[in-house]
Amino acid sequence: MILPTKNISPNRALLTLAGKVFDRLGSPRTVSGAWDEFRKQQEDSPVSYAFFILAIDLLFLMKLVSLDDNGLISRRVGG
């Protein structure tokens, strides 16, 4: 599920979806705002909100994003 397999195509793997979410986080935004942007990007190949949240969870686990006191998700700067 995280990586592509013979049953999960590369464009449906969580790592790929997380990369697409990460690319769209050029500026801090709410999770809802990130979802709206991601959903527009994925119009040709829709992804459920649950998989979107799992992709964000993966980014948190990899310490690539953070959530600030205002509830905005953004790329982490530094280590």
PDB file of N, CA and C in Angstrom:
ATOM      1  N   MET A   1       0.818  -1.192   0.000  1.00  0.00           N
ATOM      2  CA  MET A   1       0.000   0.000   0.000  1.00  0.00           C
ATOM      3  C   MET A   1       0.865   1.260   0.000  1.00  0.00           C
ATOM      4  N   ILE A   2       1.980   1.221   0.700  1.00  0.00           N
ATOM      5  CA  ILE A   2       2.858   2.383   0.713  1.00  0.00           C
ATOM      6  C   ILE A   2       3.638   2.447  -0.593  1.00  0.00           C
ATOM      7  N   LEU A   3       4.157   1.303  -0.999  1.00  0.00           N
ATOM      8  CA  LEU A   3       4.911   1.229  -2.249  1.00  0.00           C
ATOM      9  C   LEU A   3       4.079   0.505  -3.304  1.00  0.00           C
ATOM     10  N   PRO A   4       4.368   0.747  -4.580  1.00  0.00           N
ATOM     11  CA  PRO A   4       3.653   0.022  -5.628  1.00  0.00           C
ATOM     12  C   PRO A   4       3.965  -1.479  -5.552  1.00  0.00           C
ATOM     13  N   THR A   5       2.990  -2.273  -5.889  1.00  0.00           N
ATOM     14  CA  THR A   5       3.166  -3.724  -5.968  1.00  0.00           C
ATOM     15  C   THR A   5       2.522  -4.188  -7.267  1.00  0.00           C
ATOM     16  N   LYS A   6       2.433  -5.482  -7.456  1.00  0.00           N
ATOM     17  CA  LYS A   6       1.778  -5.962  -8.668  1.00  0.00           C
ATOM     18  C   LYS A   6       0.279  -5.662  -8.636  1.00  0.00           C
ATOM     19  N   ASN A   7      -0.290  -5.460  -7.446  1.00  0.00           N
ATOM     20  CA  ASN A   7      -1.713  -5.145  -7.321  1.00  0.00           C
ATOM     21  C   ASN A   7      -2.004  -3.660  -7.115  1.00  0.00           C
ATOM     22  N   ILE A   8      -0.983  -2.881  -6.814  1.00  0.00           N
ATOM     23  CA  ILE A   8      -1.150  -1.435  -6.592  1.00  0.00           C
ATOM     24  C   ILE A   8      -0.283  -0.700  -7.599  1.00  0.00           C
ATOM     25  N   SER A   9      -0.927   0.039  -8.484  1.00  0.00           N
ATOM     26  CA  SER A   9      -0.177   0.761  -9.514  1.00  0.00           C
ATOM     27  C   SER A   9       0.621   1.901  -8.875  1.00  0.00           C
ATOM     28  N   PRO A  10       1.691   2.337  -9.524  1.00  0.00           N
ATOM     29  CA  PRO A  10       2.511   3.408  -8.966  1.00  0.00           C
ATOM     30  C   PRO A  10       1.739   4.694  -8.673  1.00  0.00           C
ATOM     31  N   ASN A  11       0.731   5.019  -9.480  1.00  0.00           N
ATOM     32  CA  ASN A  11      -0.009   6.262  -9.243  1.00  0.00           C
ATOM     33  C   ASN A  11      -1.026   6.135  -8.111  1.00  0.00           C
ATOM     34  N   ARG A  12      -1.193   4.932  -7.529  1.00  0.00           N
ATOM     35  CA  ARG A  12      -2.105   4.722  -6.398  1.00  0.00           C
ATOM     36  C   ARG A  12      -1.362   4.421  -5.101  1.00  0.00           C
ATOM     37  N   ALA A  13      -0.061   4.271  -5.162  1.00  0.00           N
ATOM     38  CA  ALA A  13       0.733   3.985  -3.961  1.00  0.00           C
ATOM     39  C   ALA A  13       0.776   5.227  -3.069  1.00  0.00           C
ATOM     40  N   LEU A  14       0.755   5.018  -1.762  1.00  0.00           N
ATOM     41  CA  LEU A  14       0.753   6.139  -0.824  1.00  0.00           C
ATOM     42  C   LEU A  14       1.991   7.017  -0.966  1.00  0.00           C
ATOM     43  N   LEU A  15       3.122   6.433  -1.280  1.00  0.00           N
ATOM     44  CA  LEU A  15       4.337   7.223  -1.442  1.00  0.00           C
ATOM     45  C   LEU A  15       4.199   8.205  -2.604  1.00  0.00           C
ATOM     46  N   THR A  16       3.593   7.775  -3.680  1.00  0.00           N
ATOM     47  CA  THR A  16       3.352   8.653  -4.825  1.00  0.00           C
ATOM     48  C   THR A  16       2.357   9.745  -4.467  1.00  0.00           C
ATOM     49  N   LEU A  17       1.258   9.364  -3.803  1.00  0.00           N
ATOM     50  CA  LEU A  17       0.252  10.353  -3.406  1.00  0.00           C
ATOM     51  C   LEU A  17       0.844  11.364  -2.431  1.00  0.00           C
ATOM     52  N   ALA A  18       1.674  10.889  -1.495  1.00  0.00           N
ATOM     53  CA  ALA A  18       2.319  11.785  -0.535  1.00  0.00           C
ATOM     54  C   ALA A  18       3.234  12.781  -1.259  1.00  0.00           C
ATOM     55  N   GLY A  19       3.925  12.309  -2.278  1.00  0.00           N
ATOM     56  CA  GLY A  19       4.786  13.193  -3.060  1.00  0.00           C
ATOM     57  C   GLY A  19       3.988  14.282  -3.760  1.00  0.00           C
ATOM     58  N   LYS A  20       2.832  13.920  -4.269  1.00  0.00           N
ATOM     59  CA  LYS A  20       1.973  14.911  -4.930  1.00  0.00           C
ATOM     60  C   LYS A  20       1.445  15.933  -3.933  1.00  0.00           C
ATOM     61  N   VAL A  21       1.075  15.475  -2.740  1.00  0.00           N
ATOM     62  CA  VAL A  21       0.615  16.408  -1.700  1.00  0.00           C
ATOM     63  C   VAL A  21       1.768  17.338  -1.317  1.00  0.00           C
ATOM     64  N   PHE A  22       2.940  16.766  -1.113  1.00  0.00           N
ATOM     65  CA  PHE A  22       4.115  17.545  -0.713  1.00  0.00           C
ATOM     66  C   PHE A  22       4.446  18.612  -1.747  1.00  0.00           C
ATOM     67  N   ASP A  23       4.372  18.266  -3.015  1.00  0.00           N
ATOM     68  CA  ASP A  23       4.654  19.230  -4.086  1.00  0.00           C
ATOM     69  C   ASP A  23       3.723  20.431  -4.026  1.00  0.00           C
ATOM     70  N   ARG A  24       2.495  20.221  -3.599  1.00  0.00           N
ATOM     71  CA  ARG A  24       1.497  21.296  -3.555  1.00  0.00           C
ATOM     72  C   ARG A  24       1.585  22.145  -2.291  1.00  0.00           C
ATOM     73  N   LEU A  25       2.447  21.784  -1.361  1.00  0.00           N
ATOM     74  CA  LEU A  25       2.563  22.550  -0.117  1.00  0.00           C
ATOM     75  C   LEU A  25       3.651  23.619  -0.219  1.00  0.00           C
ATOM     76  N   GLY A  26       3.553  24.448  -1.231  1.00  0.00           N
ATOM     77  CA  GLY A  26       4.516  25.534  -1.395  1.00  0.00           C
ATOM     78  C   GLY A  26       4.373  26.588  -0.308  1.00  0.00           C
ATOM     79  N   SER A  27       3.175  26.736   0.196  1.00  0.00           N
ATOM     80  CA  SER A  27       2.918  27.669   1.288  1.00  0.00           C
ATOM     81  C   SER A  27       2.017  26.968   2.303  1.00  0.00           C
ATOM     82  N   PRO A  28       2.081  27.396   3.560  1.00  0.00           N
ATOM     83  CA  PRO A  28       1.238  26.758   4.579  1.00  0.00           C
ATOM     84  C   PRO A  28      -0.239  26.876   4.229  1.00  0.00           C
ATOM     85  N   ARG A  29      -0.984  25.826   4.519  1.00  0.00           N
ATOM     86  CA  ARG A  29      -2.423  25.832   4.257  1.00  0.00           C
ATOM     87  C   ARG A  29      -3.125  24.883   5.208  1.00  0.00           C
ATOM     88  N   THR A  30      -4.418  25.016   5.280  1.00  0.00           N
ATOM     89  CA  THR A  30      -5.203  24.103   6.100  1.00  0.00           C
ATOM     90  C   THR A  30      -5.263  22.745   5.417  1.00  0.00           C
ATOM     91  N   VAL A  31      -5.604  21.733   6.178  1.00  0.00           N
ATOM     92  CA  VAL A  31      -5.757  20.401   5.593  1.00  0.00           C
ATOM     93  C   VAL A  31      -6.871  20.438   4.548  1.00  0.00           C
ATOM     94  N   SER A  32      -7.940  21.184   4.831  1.00  0.00           N
ATOM     95  CA  SER A  32      -9.044  21.316   3.865  1.00  0.00           C
ATOM     96  C   SER A  32      -8.570  21.975   2.579  1.00  0.00           C
ATOM     97  N   GLY A  33      -7.747  23.009   2.716  1.00  0.00           N
ATOM     98  CA  GLY A  33      -7.210  23.685   1.537  1.00  0.00           C
ATOM     99  C   GLY A  33      -6.309  22.773   0.729  1.00  0.00           C
ATOM    100  N   ALA A  34      -5.480  21.991   1.427  1.00  0.00           N
ATOM    101  CA  ALA A  34      -4.605  21.035   0.742  1.00  0.00           C
ATOM    102  C   ALA A  34      -5.436  19.970   0.032  1.00  0.00           C
ATOM    103  N   TRP A  35      -6.519  19.528   0.685  1.00  0.00           N
ATOM    104  CA  TRP A  35      -7.412  18.527   0.081  1.00  0.00           C
ATOM    105  C   TRP A  35      -8.055  19.082  -1.182  1.00  0.00           C
ATOM    106  N   ASP A  36      -8.557  20.310  -1.134  1.00  0.00           N
ATOM    107  CA  ASP A  36      -9.193  20.913  -2.309  1.00  0.00           C
ATOM    108  C   ASP A  36      -8.218  20.988  -3.479  1.00  0.00           C
ATOM    109  N   GLU A  37      -6.994  21.427  -3.203  1.00  0.00           N
ATOM    110  CA  GLU A  37      -5.974  21.532  -4.250  1.00  0.00           C
ATOM    111  C   GLU A  37      -5.619  20.148  -4.804  1.00  0.00           C
ATOM    112  N   PHE A  38      -5.443  19.183  -3.917  1.00  0.00           N
ATOM    113  CA  PHE A  38      -5.092  17.831  -4.329  1.00  0.00           C
ATOM    114  C   PHE A  38      -6.200  17.202  -5.162  1.00  0.00           C
ATOM    115  N   ARG A  39      -7.438  17.415  -4.739  1.00  0.00           N
ATOM    116  CA  ARG A  39      -8.588  16.849  -5.457  1.00  0.00           C
ATOM    117  C   ARG A  39      -8.673  17.403  -6.875  1.00  0.00           C
ATOM    118  N   LYS A  40      -8.402  18.693  -7.038  1.00  0.00           N
ATOM    119  CA  LYS A  40      -8.392  19.294  -8.386  1.00  0.00           C
ATOM    120  C   LYS A  40      -7.300  18.662  -9.238  1.00  0.00           C
ATOM    121  N   GLN A  41      -6.148  18.453  -8.628  1.00  0.00           N
ATOM    122  CA  GLN A  41      -5.012  17.866  -9.336  1.00  0.00           C
ATOM    123  C   GLN A  41      -5.324  16.437  -9.785  1.00  0.00           C
ATOM    124  N   GLN A  42      -6.110  15.715  -9.006  1.00  0.00           N
ATOM    125  CA  GLN A  42      -6.406  14.303  -9.254  1.00  0.00           C
ATOM    126  C   GLN A  42      -7.746  14.085  -9.959  1.00  0.00           C
ATOM    127  N   GLU A  43      -8.272  15.068 -10.646  1.00  0.00           N
ATOM    128  CA  GLU A  43      -9.587  14.931 -11.284  1.00  0.00           C
ATOM    129  C   GLU A  43      -9.657  13.743 -12.230  1.00  0.00           C
ATOM    130  N   ASP A  44      -8.571  13.462 -12.947  1.00  0.00           N
ATOM    131  CA  ASP A  44      -8.571  12.355 -13.905  1.00  0.00           C
ATOM    132  C   ASP A  44      -8.510  10.997 -13.217  1.00  0.00           C
ATOM    133  N   SER A  45      -7.970  10.975 -12.009  1.00  0.00           N
ATOM    134  CA  SER A  45      -7.823   9.728 -11.257  1.00  0.00           C
ATOM    135  C   SER A  45      -8.153  10.002  -9.790  1.00  0.00           C
ATOM    136  N   PRO A  46      -9.450  10.124  -9.458  1.00  0.00           N
ATOM    137  CA  PRO A  46      -9.850  10.522  -8.104  1.00  0.00           C
ATOM    138  C   PRO A  46      -9.308   9.604  -6.997  1.00  0.00           C
ATOM    139  N   VAL A  47      -9.005  10.233  -5.873  1.00  0.00           N
ATOM    140  CA  VAL A  47      -8.499   9.533  -4.695  1.00  0.00           C
ATOM    141  C   VAL A  47      -9.428   9.870  -3.538  1.00  0.00           C
ATOM    142  N   SER A  48      -9.713   8.902  -2.704  1.00  0.00           N
ATOM    143  CA  SER A  48     -10.602   9.158  -1.570  1.00  0.00           C
ATOM    144  C   SER A  48      -9.906  10.031  -0.527  1.00  0.00           C
ATOM    145  N   TYR A  49     -10.729  10.679   0.291  1.00  0.00           N
ATOM    146  CA  TYR A  49     -10.204  11.517   1.367  1.00  0.00           C
ATOM    147  C   TYR A  49      -9.384  10.677   2.346  1.00  0.00           C
ATOM    148  N   ALA A  50      -9.789   9.445   2.574  1.00  0.00           N
ATOM    149  CA  ALA A  50      -9.058   8.558   3.480  1.00  0.00           C
ATOM    150  C   ALA A  50      -7.624   8.329   2.992  1.00  0.00           C
ATOM    151  N   PHE A  51      -7.447   8.114   1.693  1.00  0.00           N
ATOM    152  CA  PHE A  51      -6.107   7.918   1.162  1.00  0.00           C
ATOM    153  C   PHE A  51      -5.304   9.207   1.204  1.00  0.00           C
ATOM    154  N   PHE A  52      -5.971  10.341   1.016  1.00  0.00           N
ATOM    155  CA  PHE A  52      -5.307  11.636   1.142  1.00  0.00           C
ATOM    156  C   PHE A  52      -4.763  11.802   2.561  1.00  0.00           C
ATOM    157  N   ILE A  53      -5.575  11.483   3.562  1.00  0.00           N
ATOM    158  CA  ILE A  53      -5.144  11.599   4.960  1.00  0.00           C
ATOM    159  C   ILE A  53      -4.004  10.626   5.246  1.00  0.00           C
ATOM    160  N   LEU A  54      -4.070   9.423   4.707  1.00  0.00           N
ATOM    161  CA  LEU A  54      -2.970   8.473   4.885  1.00  0.00           C
ATOM    162  C   LEU A  54      -1.681   9.002   4.262  1.00  0.00           C
ATOM    163  N   ALA A  55      -1.799   9.689   3.128  1.00  0.00           N
ATOM    164  CA  ALA A  55      -0.618  10.278   2.491  1.00  0.00           C
ATOM    165  C   ALA A  55      -0.027  11.373   3.389  1.00  0.00           C
ATOM    166  N   ILE A  56      -0.883  12.189   3.994  1.00  0.00           N
ATOM    167  CA  ILE A  56      -0.398  13.225   4.915  1.00  0.00           C
ATOM    168  C   ILE A  56       0.237  12.566   6.144  1.00  0.00           C
ATOM    169  N   ASP A  57      -0.380  11.509   6.650  1.00  0.00           N
ATOM    170  CA  ASP A  57       0.200  10.775   7.783  1.00  0.00           C
ATOM    171  C   ASP A  57       1.604  10.284   7.444  1.00  0.00           C
ATOM    172  N   LEU A  58       1.769   9.772   6.244  1.00  0.00           N
ATOM    173  CA  LEU A  58       3.078   9.297   5.811  1.00  0.00           C
ATOM    174  C   LEU A  58       4.087  10.443   5.801  1.00  0.00           C
ATOM    175  N   LEU A  59       3.669  11.614   5.331  1.00  0.00           N
ATOM    176  CA  LEU A  59       4.559  12.778   5.338  1.00  0.00           C
ATOM    177  C   LEU A  59       4.949  13.169   6.762  1.00  0.00           C
ATOM    178  N   PHE A  60       4.001  13.091   7.702  1.00  0.00           N
ATOM    179  CA  PHE A  60       4.306  13.360   9.111  1.00  0.00           C
ATOM    180  C   PHE A  60       5.306  12.337   9.651  1.00  0.00           C
ATOM    181  N   LEU A  61       5.078  11.067   9.353  1.00  0.00           N
ATOM    182  CA  LEU A  61       5.985  10.023   9.826  1.00  0.00           C
ATOM    183  C   LEU A  61       7.396  10.204   9.281  1.00  0.00           C
ATOM    184  N   MET A  62       7.492  10.706   8.059  1.00  0.00           N
ATOM    185  CA  MET A  62       8.784  10.943   7.433  1.00  0.00           C
ATOM    186  C   MET A  62       9.379  12.291   7.855  1.00  0.00           C
ATOM    187  N   LYS A  63       8.646  13.016   8.707  1.00  0.00           N
ATOM    188  CA  LYS A  63       9.063  14.334   9.220  1.00  0.00           C
ATOM    189  C   LYS A  63       9.303  15.346   8.102  1.00  0.00           C
ATOM    190  N   LEU A  64       8.452  15.281   7.079  1.00  0.00           N
ATOM    191  CA  LEU A  64       8.549  16.214   5.959  1.00  0.00           C
ATOM    192  C   LEU A  64       7.577  17.373   6.083  1.00  0.00           C
ATOM    193  N   VAL A  65       6.546  17.214   6.901  1.00  0.00           N
ATOM    194  CA  VAL A  65       5.576  18.286   7.116  1.00  0.00           C
ATOM    195  C   VAL A  65       5.330  18.465   8.611  1.00  0.00           C
ATOM    196  N   SER A  66       4.801  19.637   8.957  1.00  0.00           N
ATOM    197  CA  SER A  66       4.450  19.901  10.352  1.00  0.00           C
ATOM    198  C   SER A  66       3.136  20.668  10.386  1.00  0.00           C
ATOM    199  N   LEU A  67       2.542  20.679  11.554  1.00  0.00           N
ATOM    200  CA  LEU A  67       1.290  21.390  11.782  1.00  0.00           C
ATOM    201  C   LEU A  67       1.587  22.478  12.795  1.00  0.00           C
ATOM    202  N   ASP A  68       1.295  23.743  12.441  1.00  0.00           N
ATOM    203  CA  ASP A  68       1.607  24.829  13.363  1.00  0.00           C
ATOM    204  C   ASP A  68       0.455  25.094  14.329  1.00  0.00           C
ATOM    205  N   ASP A  69       0.629  26.073  15.195  1.00  0.00           N
ATOM    206  CA  ASP A  69      -0.374  26.389  16.222  1.00  0.00           C
ATOM    207  C   ASP A  69      -1.684  26.896  15.633  1.00  0.00           C
ATOM    208  N   ASN A  70      -1.643  27.381  14.398  1.00  0.00           N
ATOM    209  CA  ASN A  70      -2.846  27.870  13.736  1.00  0.00           C
ATOM    210  C   ASN A  70      -3.566  26.782  12.937  1.00  0.00           C
ATOM    211  N   GLY A  71      -3.059  25.563  12.997  1.00  0.00           N
ATOM    212  CA  GLY A  71      -3.680  24.463  12.280  1.00  0.00           C
ATOM    213  C   GLY A  71      -3.301  24.403  10.806  1.00  0.00           C
ATOM    214  N   LEU A  72      -2.197  25.043  10.435  1.00  0.00           N
ATOM    215  CA  LEU A  72      -1.756  25.031   9.046  1.00  0.00           C
ATOM    216  C   LEU A  72      -0.664  23.983   8.869  1.00  0.00           C
ATOM    217  N   ILE A  73      -0.793  23.232   7.796  1.00  0.00           N
ATOM    218  CA  ILE A  73       0.197  22.214   7.466  1.00  0.00           C
ATOM    219  C   ILE A  73       1.204  22.836   6.499  1.00  0.00           C
ATOM    220  N   SER A  74       2.478  22.568   6.727  1.00  0.00           N
ATOM    221  CA  SER A  74       3.502  23.131   5.848  1.00  0.00           C
ATOM    222  C   SER A  74       4.713  22.191   5.795  1.00  0.00           C
ATOM    223  N   ARG A  75       5.546  22.440   4.796  1.00  0.00           N
ATOM    224  CA  ARG A  75       6.793  21.687   4.687  1.00  0.00           C
ATOM    225  C   ARG A  75       7.675  22.044   5.883  1.00  0.00           C
ATOM    226  N   ARG A  76       8.403  21.070   6.367  1.00  0.00           N
ATOM    227  CA  ARG A  76       9.335  21.342   7.469  1.00  0.00           C
ATOM    228  C   ARG A  76      10.601  21.951   6.898  1.00  0.00           C
ATOM    229  N   VAL A  77      11.110  22.915   7.625  1.00  0.00           N
ATOM    230  CA  VAL A  77      12.360  23.565   7.241  1.00  0.00           C
ATOM    231  C   VAL A  77      13.449  23.042   8.158  1.00  0.00           C
ATOM    232  N   GLY A  78      14.574  22.704   7.597  1.00  0.00           N
ATOM    233  CA  GLY A  78      15.659  22.183   8.422  1.00  0.00           C
ATOM    234  C   GLY A  78      15.485  20.710   8.683  1.00  0.00           C
ATOM    235  N   GLY A  79      15.878  20.253   9.865  1.00  0.00           N
ATOM    236  CA  GLY A  79      15.824  18.826  10.171  1.00  0.00           C
ATOM    237  C   GLY A  79      14.691  18.531  11.018  1.00  0.00           C
TER     238      GLY A  79
END
